[in-house]
């Protein structure tokens, strides 16, 4: 394990304290253990490789060693637990803006996939711990395919892509991390004032899912219709063929 203070980063709080691991099971697991031991707001766990990375709904998250940005932020925001989803929105918007700054056309697929030219380049896993009616801490895990070659992508997922595959040239993971934290910090600090409303509005604009006919698979049902909008908690609002508006809080969209 290697610890470092990251004074050269553009952010003052996020990533100010960093744990950099060559390999771990999951950066979210390490960050959760650190948070329980009192790690400060903005502490970052960064890994070159994961042996048990995971995504939403318990799925495995595979990432070739040294070719992806794999990290987890420990956040302690002054937000109500009901607003924890806005931290996922914040991370998604920051990733999209960082990729856009590299000249690539990033958009978002509900609820938290990062797409470039219709293919998935990254995702987010947020895990919250509450204490009574307060958020004790939130772990925001990020996985971005950075320098995975076209051949390596076939082993990840049918429609996976990477910044290298889309842009035609390698990207320094540290440079991407700097862009990401710079995009994330000011909106994060502003959340204590506006409850994340500005983040929600930008996340909504970046969602390519809205206005499309969708097929949503949840744990208990399959919903088909037009994705009309999202509500303030991030749930997808789907207008079914019969006219009924259905609220979907979690699921897979195609």
Protein backbone atom coordinates (compact mmCIF):
# COMPACT_ATOMS: atom_id res chain seq x y z
CA UNK A 1 0.00 0.00 0.00
CA UNK A 2 1.21 3.47 -0.87
CA UNK A 3 -0.20 6.63 0.74
CA UNK A 4 0.32 10.13 -0.51
CA UNK A 5 -0.88 13.69 -0.06
CA UNK A 6 -1.81 15.08 -3.44
CA UNK A 7 -1.13 18.80 -3.18
CA UNK A 8 -0.55 19.09 -6.93
CA UNK A 9 -4.14 18.16 -7.75
CA UNK A 10 -6.48 20.97 -8.85
CA UNK A 11 -8.93 20.12 -6.06
CA UNK A 12 -8.62 21.26 -2.47
CA UNK A 13 -10.76 18.60 -0.79
CA UNK A 14 -11.46 15.74 -3.18
CA UNK A 15 -8.41 13.53 -3.52
CA UNK A 16 -6.35 15.57 -1.07
CA UNK A 17 -5.55 12.32 0.77
CA UNK A 18 -4.87 9.35 -1.51
CA UNK A 19 -4.27 5.66 -0.96
CA UNK A 20 -2.76 4.14 -4.11
CA UNK A 21 -2.78 0.35 -4.36
CA UNK A 22 -1.20 -1.79 -7.03
CA UNK A 23 -3.93 -4.39 -6.52
CA UNK A 24 -6.93 -4.85 -4.27
CA UNK A 25 -10.22 -6.70 -4.21
CA UNK A 26 -12.33 -3.59 -4.74
CA UNK A 27 -11.58 0.08 -4.13
CA UNK A 28 -15.09 0.46 -2.70
CA UNK A 29 -14.33 -2.20 -0.08
CA UNK A 30 -11.12 -0.47 0.96
CA UNK A 31 -12.82 2.93 1.02
CA UNK A 32 -15.69 1.58 3.13
CA UNK A 33 -13.26 0.18 5.71
CA UNK A 34 -11.36 3.48 5.76
CA UNK A 35 -14.59 5.46 6.18
CA UNK A 36 -15.59 3.32 9.16
CA UNK A 37 -12.23 4.14 10.73
CA UNK A 38 -12.80 7.88 10.26
CA UNK A 39 -11.16 8.72 6.93
CA UNK A 40 -11.86 12.36 6.01
CA UNK A 41 -14.26 13.77 3.47
CA UNK A 42 -12.68 13.61 0.02
CA UNK A 43 -10.21 10.78 0.71
CA UNK A 44 -9.52 8.74 -2.42
CA UNK A 45 -8.63 5.09 -2.95
CA UNK A 46 -6.95 4.40 -6.28
CA UNK A 47 -5.97 0.98 -7.65
CA UNK A 48 -4.16 -0.28 -10.73
CA UNK A 49 -6.03 -3.60 -10.61
CA UNK A 50 -9.02 -5.18 -8.84
CA UNK A 51 -9.59 -8.87 -8.24
CA UNK A 52 -13.25 -8.54 -7.22
CA UNK A 53 -14.49 -5.33 -8.75
CA UNK A 54 -18.26 -4.98 -8.91
CA UNK A 55 -20.86 -2.86 -10.60
CA UNK A 56 -24.55 -2.23 -10.06
CA UNK A 57 -26.88 -5.00 -8.91
CA UNK A 58 -23.99 -7.24 -7.81
CA UNK A 59 -22.44 -7.68 -11.24
CA UNK A 60 -18.72 -8.27 -11.64
CA UNK A 61 -16.72 -5.33 -13.00
CA UNK A 62 -13.78 -6.54 -15.04
CA UNK A 63 -10.92 -4.21 -15.85
CA UNK A 64 -7.51 -5.05 -17.36
CA UNK A 65 -4.69 -4.18 -14.95
CA UNK A 66 -3.11 -0.78 -15.51
CA UNK A 67 -5.48 0.19 -18.32
CA UNK A 68 -8.44 1.66 -16.45
CA UNK A 69 -9.12 4.38 -13.91
CA UNK A 70 -10.37 2.55 -10.82
CA UNK A 71 -11.04 4.65 -7.75
CA UNK A 72 -13.43 5.34 -4.89
CA UNK A 73 -14.11 8.61 -3.11
CA UNK A 74 -15.14 8.83 0.53
CA UNK A 75 -17.67 11.64 0.87
CA UNK A 76 -19.28 13.06 3.99
CA UNK A 77 -21.76 15.59 2.60
CA UNK A 78 -24.26 17.60 4.61
CA UNK A 79 -27.16 16.05 2.69
CA UNK A 80 -30.31 14.20 3.66
CA UNK A 81 -30.13 10.45 2.92
CA UNK A 82 -32.83 10.90 0.27
CA UNK A 83 -30.39 13.07 -1.68
CA UNK A 84 -27.57 10.49 -1.75
CA UNK A 85 -28.45 9.64 -5.36
CA UNK A 86 -27.30 13.10 -6.35
CA UNK A 87 -23.74 12.09 -5.57
CA UNK A 88 -24.03 9.42 -8.27
CA UNK A 89 -25.34 12.12 -10.60
CA UNK A 90 -22.42 14.35 -9.64
CA UNK A 91 -19.88 11.66 -10.46
CA UNK A 92 -21.57 10.86 -13.78
CA UNK A 93 -21.63 14.50 -14.84
CA UNK A 94 -18.00 15.00 -13.81
CA UNK A 95 -16.85 11.95 -15.78
CA UNK A 96 -18.79 13.06 -18.84
CA UNK A 97 -17.35 16.57 -18.64
CA UNK A 98 -13.81 15.25 -18.17
CA UNK A 99 -14.17 13.03 -21.24
CA UNK A 100 -15.69 15.90 -23.22
CA UNK A 101 -12.62 17.95 -22.28
CA UNK A 102 -10.54 15.28 -24.02
CA UNK A 103 -12.53 15.88 -27.20
CA UNK A 104 -14.74 12.78 -27.02
CA UNK A 105 -18.58 12.90 -27.20
CA UNK A 106 -19.63 11.54 -23.80
CA UNK A 107 -23.27 11.22 -22.75
CA UNK A 108 -25.08 9.35 -19.99
CA UNK A 109 -27.37 6.33 -20.07
CA UNK A 110 -29.79 6.04 -17.17
CA UNK A 111 -28.97 5.49 -14.42
CA UNK A 112 -25.17 5.83 -14.38
CA UNK A 113 -23.44 4.48 -17.50
CA UNK A 114 -20.97 6.64 -19.39
CA UNK A 115 -21.38 6.25 -23.16
CA UNK A 116 -19.20 7.29 -26.08
CA UNK A 117 -20.73 6.79 -29.51
CA UNK A 118 -23.31 4.45 -28.04
CA UNK A 119 -20.84 2.21 -26.24
CA UNK A 120 -20.15 1.93 -22.52
CA UNK A 121 -16.87 3.48 -21.37
CA UNK A 122 -17.48 3.55 -17.63
CA UNK A 123 -19.82 3.21 -14.71
CA UNK A 124 -20.42 4.22 -11.11
CA UNK A 125 -21.24 2.29 -7.94
CA UNK A 126 -22.43 4.38 -4.99
CA UNK A 127 -22.85 2.87 -1.51
CA UNK A 128 -24.23 4.94 1.36
CA UNK A 129 -24.08 4.46 5.11
CA UNK A 130 -26.69 6.25 7.20
CA UNK A 131 -26.84 6.98 10.91
CA UNK A 132 -30.36 7.80 11.97
CA UNK A 133 -31.62 10.51 9.65
CA UNK A 134 -28.13 11.56 8.51
CA UNK A 135 -25.67 10.38 5.91
CA UNK A 136 -22.62 9.13 7.77
CA UNK A 137 -20.60 8.61 4.60
CA UNK A 138 -21.02 7.75 0.94
CA UNK A 139 -18.57 5.73 -1.16
CA UNK A 140 -18.59 6.69 -4.84
CA UNK A 141 -16.76 4.10 -6.92
CA UNK A 142 -15.71 4.95 -10.47
CA UNK A 143 -14.53 2.66 -13.24
CA UNK A 144 -13.46 4.07 -16.62
CA UNK A 145 -11.94 2.13 -19.51
CA UNK A 146 -9.00 4.31 -20.44
CA UNK A 147 -6.30 2.52 -22.45
CA UNK A 148 -8.00 -0.80 -23.15
CA UNK A 149 -7.25 -1.91 -26.71
CA UNK A 150 -9.94 -2.99 -29.15
CA UNK A 151 -8.90 -6.60 -28.61
CA UNK A 152 -9.09 -6.28 -24.86
CA UNK A 153 -12.58 -4.81 -24.97
CA UNK A 154 -14.12 -7.99 -26.31
CA UNK A 155 -13.45 -9.68 -22.97
CA UNK A 156 -15.24 -6.97 -20.97
CA UNK A 157 -18.75 -6.63 -22.43
CA UNK A 158 -20.44 -6.82 -25.84
CA UNK A 159 -20.72 -3.03 -26.19
CA UNK A 160 -17.74 -1.87 -24.16
CA UNK A 161 -15.40 0.83 -25.37
CA UNK A 162 -12.47 2.86 -24.06
CA UNK A 163 -10.98 6.31 -24.45
CA UNK A 164 -8.15 4.76 -26.47
CA UNK A 165 -10.54 2.95 -28.80
CA UNK A 166 -12.64 6.06 -29.38
CA UNK A 167 -9.91 8.68 -29.57
CA UNK A 168 -7.18 6.64 -31.23
CA UNK A 169 -4.50 7.61 -28.74
CA UNK A 170 -3.64 6.72 -25.14
CA UNK A 171 -4.72 8.91 -22.26
CA UNK A 172 -2.75 9.31 -19.04
CA UNK A 173 -4.88 8.01 -16.20
CA UNK A 174 -3.50 10.65 -13.85
CA UNK A 175 -4.50 13.38 -16.31
CA UNK A 176 -8.03 12.00 -16.49
CA UNK A 177 -8.19 11.84 -12.69
CA UNK A 178 -7.14 15.48 -12.45
CA UNK A 179 -9.83 16.52 -14.93
CA UNK A 180 -12.42 14.47 -13.09
CA UNK A 181 -11.67 15.88 -9.64
CA UNK A 182 -11.55 19.43 -11.02
CA UNK A 183 -15.00 18.98 -12.55
CA UNK A 184 -16.39 17.41 -9.39
CA UNK A 185 -15.18 19.58 -6.55
CA UNK A 186 -17.03 22.90 -6.97
CA UNK A 187 -20.44 21.27 -7.58
CA UNK A 188 -19.82 18.98 -4.60
CA UNK A 189 -19.11 21.88 -2.27
CA UNK A 190 -22.16 23.72 -3.65
CA UNK A 191 -24.41 20.80 -2.70
CA UNK A 192 -24.54 21.99 0.90
CA UNK A 193 -26.27 25.15 -0.40
CA UNK A 194 -28.57 23.88 -3.15
CA UNK A 195 -29.04 20.21 -2.24
CA UNK A 196 -27.54 19.16 -5.55
CA UNK A 197 -30.24 20.80 -7.69
CA UNK A 198 -27.76 22.19 -10.24
CA UNK A 199 -26.11 18.77 -10.53
CA UNK A 200 -29.50 17.12 -11.08
CA UNK A 201 -30.38 19.53 -13.88
CA UNK A 202 -27.08 18.95 -15.70
CA UNK A 203 -27.34 15.18 -15.25
CA UNK A 204 -30.82 15.31 -16.75
CA UNK A 205 -29.59 17.23 -19.79
CA UNK A 206 -26.80 14.68 -20.41
CA UNK A 207 -29.15 11.67 -20.28
CA UNK A 208 -29.46 10.28 -23.80
CA UNK A 209 -32.14 7.88 -22.52
CA UNK A 210 -34.85 10.55 -22.34
CA UNK A 211 -37.25 10.82 -25.23
CA UNK A 212 -36.54 7.28 -26.41
CA UNK A 213 -38.56 4.09 -26.47
CA UNK A 214 -37.10 1.86 -23.77
CA UNK A 215 -37.24 -1.68 -22.43
CA UNK A 216 -36.54 -1.63 -18.68
CA UNK A 217 -35.80 -4.81 -16.77
CA UNK A 218 -36.23 -4.54 -13.00
CA UNK A 219 -35.90 -7.20 -10.31
CA UNK A 220 -39.60 -7.99 -10.60
CA UNK A 221 -40.90 -6.71 -13.91
CA UNK A 222 -40.28 -5.65 -17.50
CA UNK A 223 -41.50 -2.18 -18.46
CA UNK A 224 -41.78 -0.88 -22.00
CA UNK A 225 -42.66 2.61 -23.18
CA UNK A 226 -41.24 6.08 -23.77
CA UNK A 227 -38.72 7.47 -21.27
CA UNK A 228 -40.34 10.83 -20.60
CA UNK A 229 -38.29 12.26 -17.77
CA UNK A 230 -36.54 11.66 -14.45
CA UNK A 231 -37.63 12.86 -11.04
CA UNK A 232 -35.53 14.59 -8.42
CA UNK A 233 -34.42 11.31 -6.86
CA UNK A 234 -33.14 10.03 -10.21
CA UNK A 235 -35.99 7.60 -10.95
CA UNK A 236 -36.90 7.12 -14.60
CA UNK A 237 -40.45 8.04 -15.62
CA UNK A 238 -41.71 5.76 -18.39
CA UNK A 239 -44.97 6.35 -20.26
CA UNK A 240 -46.35 2.96 -21.18
CA UNK A 241 -48.32 2.29 -24.36
CA UNK A 242 -51.61 2.40 -22.47
CA UNK A 243 -50.80 5.86 -21.12
CA UNK A 244 -49.78 4.94 -17.57
CA UNK A 245 -46.73 6.74 -16.21
CA UNK A 246 -44.47 4.31 -14.33
CA UNK A 247 -41.71 5.34 -11.93
CA UNK A 248 -38.61 3.09 -12.11
CA UNK A 249 -36.03 3.54 -9.36
CA UNK A 250 -33.63 0.78 -10.46
CA UNK A 251 -33.23 -1.39 -13.51
CA UNK A 252 -31.46 -2.03 -16.80
CA UNK A 253 -32.46 -0.06 -19.87
CA UNK A 254 -32.21 -1.10 -23.50
